[in-house]
């Protein structure tokens, strides 16, 4: 049986970084099908790292991520997972998803589950002198509903086949695969799944 976790990550006090938690909150009004656990991890990286070790088939992280696209653009990416035992113990605090994956790989005995990231291109980042910047920018606020709708397509497909990579609905948000962290290069659309 496929076990699927949808994990919202981000800081609700840092503007567009709140994208993941806002999508999870939107799913309260329109829950995902049975078989998917939906949880807001906020900035609790250690909690997410240990949860990744609970025998999931697929983990779908929902997060704001700079990918070089227009603000509000959704991308589905599959990050390269760290090896089972990184050489040095990774950072145990904070919520950088790459560091959380490295920490989970360090802590666990088994390989990590398949991880996909439903990412939203943030708008203007908070200035360095801002400790708190509540509220999403307009393009990211609009992307919350699109992301919740996309999850209603992605999750059933992944529950049926955890190895499938479903496309996002909007043409500019669904094209050839791209590795996480690599800005798309094709003109006319994102190279994300």
Protein backbone atom coordinates (compact mmCIF):
# COMPACT_ATOMS: atom_id res chain seq x y z
CA UNK A 1 0.00 0.00 0.00
CA UNK A 2 1.31 3.46 -0.92
CA UNK A 3 1.97 5.80 2.02
CA UNK A 4 2.06 9.44 0.99
CA UNK A 5 2.93 12.51 3.07
CA UNK A 6 2.10 16.05 1.95
CA UNK A 7 4.28 18.37 4.05
CA UNK A 8 3.93 22.14 4.06
CA UNK A 9 7.16 23.93 5.00
CA UNK A 10 7.95 27.59 5.50
CA UNK A 11 7.93 30.48 7.92
CA UNK A 12 4.53 32.19 8.26
CA UNK A 13 6.26 35.38 9.43
CA UNK A 14 8.44 35.82 6.32
CA UNK A 15 6.13 36.86 3.51
CA UNK A 16 6.09 34.41 0.60
CA UNK A 17 7.97 31.80 2.63
CA UNK A 18 4.52 31.06 4.14
CA UNK A 19 3.40 29.46 0.85
CA UNK A 20 3.66 25.84 2.11
CA UNK A 21 1.68 26.41 5.34
CA UNK A 22 -0.94 28.45 3.43
CA UNK A 23 -1.48 25.61 0.94
CA UNK A 24 -1.91 23.15 3.82
CA UNK A 25 -4.43 25.53 5.38
CA UNK A 26 -6.32 25.74 2.05
CA UNK A 27 -6.55 21.92 2.01
CA UNK A 28 -8.57 22.05 5.26
CA UNK A 29 -11.48 23.35 3.15
CA UNK A 30 -10.98 20.70 0.46
CA UNK A 31 -9.25 17.63 1.97
CA UNK A 32 -7.15 15.28 -0.10
CA UNK A 33 -8.30 11.69 -0.62
CA UNK A 34 -7.75 9.04 2.06
CA UNK A 35 -4.26 7.57 1.96
CA UNK A 36 -2.47 10.92 2.11
CA UNK A 37 -1.40 12.46 5.39
CA UNK A 38 -1.35 16.27 5.18
CA UNK A 39 0.73 18.15 7.73
CA UNK A 40 2.12 21.65 8.23
CA UNK A 41 5.71 21.43 9.47
CA UNK A 42 6.32 25.18 9.39
CA UNK A 43 9.94 25.65 10.41
CA UNK A 44 10.27 22.41 12.41
CA UNK A 45 13.05 20.81 10.38
CA UNK A 46 13.98 18.19 12.99
CA UNK A 47 10.34 17.06 13.20
CA UNK A 48 10.18 16.70 9.41
CA UNK A 49 13.52 14.84 9.30
CA UNK A 50 12.27 12.20 11.73
CA UNK A 51 8.89 11.99 9.99
CA UNK A 52 10.69 11.25 6.70
CA UNK A 53 11.93 8.03 8.34
CA UNK A 54 8.43 6.66 8.98
CA UNK A 55 8.23 4.35 5.95
CA UNK A 56 6.62 6.65 3.37
CA UNK A 57 6.44 5.64 -0.28
CA UNK A 58 6.38 9.27 -1.44
CA UNK A 59 6.80 12.61 0.32
CA UNK A 60 5.48 15.72 -1.40
CA UNK A 61 6.96 18.90 0.08
CA UNK A 62 5.08 22.16 -0.55
CA UNK A 63 7.42 25.15 -0.34
CA UNK A 64 8.42 28.51 -1.78
CA UNK A 65 11.61 28.15 -3.82
CA UNK A 66 13.58 30.51 -6.01
CA UNK A 67 13.88 28.86 -9.43
CA UNK A 68 14.23 31.91 -11.67
CA UNK A 69 10.60 31.98 -12.81
CA UNK A 70 7.85 34.59 -12.69
CA UNK A 71 6.51 35.06 -9.10
CA UNK A 72 3.64 32.64 -8.47
CA UNK A 73 4.86 30.02 -10.98
CA UNK A 74 4.43 26.48 -9.70
CA UNK A 75 7.07 23.84 -10.37
CA UNK A 76 7.18 20.15 -9.53
CA UNK A 77 10.76 19.04 -8.99
CA UNK A 78 12.42 15.91 -7.74
CA UNK A 79 15.53 16.80 -5.73
CA UNK A 80 18.59 14.62 -5.76
CA UNK A 81 18.55 12.81 -2.43
CA UNK A 82 21.67 12.62 -0.28
CA UNK A 83 23.38 9.28 0.27
CA UNK A 84 22.48 7.14 3.27
CA UNK A 85 25.24 8.52 5.45
CA UNK A 86 26.63 11.96 4.62
CA UNK A 87 30.26 12.39 5.69
CA UNK A 88 29.58 15.04 8.34
CA UNK A 89 26.48 15.36 10.51
CA UNK A 90 24.23 17.89 8.81
CA UNK A 91 22.62 20.97 10.35
CA UNK A 92 19.86 19.96 12.80
CA UNK A 93 18.13 23.34 13.06
CA UNK A 94 16.07 25.34 10.62
CA UNK A 95 13.96 24.34 7.65
CA UNK A 96 16.12 24.37 4.54
CA UNK A 97 14.62 21.31 2.78
CA UNK A 98 18.01 20.19 1.42
CA UNK A 99 19.48 20.24 4.94
CA UNK A 100 16.43 18.42 6.32
CA UNK A 101 16.85 15.68 3.69
CA UNK A 102 20.55 15.40 4.56
CA UNK A 103 19.69 15.15 8.26
CA UNK A 104 17.08 12.45 7.61
CA UNK A 105 19.59 10.48 5.50
CA UNK A 106 22.12 10.78 8.33
CA UNK A 107 19.64 9.62 10.98
CA UNK A 108 18.01 6.76 9.10
CA UNK A 109 19.11 3.23 8.39
CA UNK A 110 16.97 2.85 5.24
CA UNK A 111 17.07 4.92 2.05
CA UNK A 112 14.84 7.99 2.04
CA UNK A 113 11.45 7.79 0.31
CA UNK A 114 10.88 9.38 -3.06
CA UNK A 115 10.63 13.14 -2.52
CA UNK A 116 8.90 15.62 -4.81
CA UNK A 117 8.66 19.36 -4.19
CA UNK A 118 5.68 21.42 -5.30
CA UNK A 119 7.46 24.76 -5.37
CA UNK A 120 6.17 28.27 -5.86
CA UNK A 121 8.39 31.06 -7.15
CA UNK A 122 8.31 33.76 -4.46
CA UNK A 123 7.96 37.47 -5.14
CA UNK A 124 10.04 40.13 -3.46
CA UNK A 125 11.98 38.64 -0.51
CA UNK A 126 11.86 40.48 2.82
CA UNK A 127 14.62 43.05 3.20
CA UNK A 128 17.48 42.10 5.53
CA UNK A 129 16.28 44.53 8.20
CA UNK A 130 12.79 42.98 8.39
CA UNK A 131 12.38 40.39 11.13
CA UNK A 132 8.70 39.88 10.39
CA UNK A 133 6.98 40.33 7.03
CA UNK A 134 3.54 38.70 7.32
CA UNK A 135 1.34 38.13 4.30
CA UNK A 136 1.89 36.67 0.86
CA UNK A 137 2.52 38.76 -2.23
CA UNK A 138 -0.38 38.87 -4.68
CA UNK A 139 1.08 36.36 -7.21
CA UNK A 140 1.94 33.85 -4.47
CA UNK A 141 -1.45 34.30 -2.79
CA UNK A 142 -3.06 33.47 -6.17
CA UNK A 143 -0.83 30.40 -6.49
CA UNK A 144 -2.13 28.90 -3.22
CA UNK A 145 -5.47 27.89 -4.78
CA UNK A 146 -3.72 26.57 -7.91
CA UNK A 147 -1.36 24.51 -5.74
CA UNK A 148 -4.25 23.04 -3.72
CA UNK A 149 -5.99 22.13 -6.99
CA UNK A 150 -2.75 20.62 -8.35
CA UNK A 151 -2.43 18.46 -5.24
CA UNK A 152 -5.88 17.03 -5.95
CA UNK A 153 -4.46 15.79 -9.26
CA UNK A 154 -0.97 14.82 -8.08
CA UNK A 155 -1.90 12.91 -4.93
CA UNK A 156 -4.37 10.40 -6.49
CA UNK A 157 -1.87 9.72 -9.30
CA UNK A 158 0.95 9.14 -6.80
CA UNK A 159 -1.24 6.95 -4.59
CA UNK A 160 -2.03 4.80 -7.64
CA UNK A 161 1.63 4.64 -8.73
CA UNK A 162 4.32 6.17 -6.49
CA UNK A 163 6.83 6.10 -9.36
CA UNK A 164 4.75 8.21 -11.77
CA UNK A 165 5.56 11.88 -12.23
CA UNK A 166 2.27 13.60 -12.99
CA UNK A 167 2.30 16.89 -14.88
CA UNK A 168 0.90 20.12 -13.49
CA UNK A 169 -2.23 21.38 -15.25
CA UNK A 170 -1.02 24.72 -16.61
CA UNK A 171 1.13 24.44 -19.76
CA UNK A 172 3.69 27.00 -18.55
CA UNK A 173 4.03 24.96 -15.37
CA UNK A 174 4.38 21.55 -17.01
CA UNK A 175 7.20 20.71 -19.37
CA UNK A 176 10.27 18.52 -19.51
CA UNK A 177 11.80 17.42 -16.18
CA UNK A 178 14.49 19.50 -14.48
CA UNK A 179 16.70 18.82 -11.50
CA UNK A 180 15.99 20.79 -8.34
CA UNK A 181 18.07 23.90 -7.95
CA UNK A 182 18.69 24.28 -11.69
CA UNK A 183 16.91 27.22 -13.30
CA UNK A 184 14.94 26.29 -16.41
CA UNK A 185 16.58 27.16 -19.72
CA UNK A 186 13.88 26.68 -22.35
CA UNK A 187 12.08 29.72 -23.68
CA UNK A 188 8.33 29.71 -23.36
CA UNK A 189 7.95 27.62 -20.21
CA UNK A 190 9.39 26.06 -17.14
CA UNK A 191 11.32 22.84 -17.46
CA UNK A 192 9.68 21.41 -14.39
CA UNK A 193 7.38 18.51 -13.91
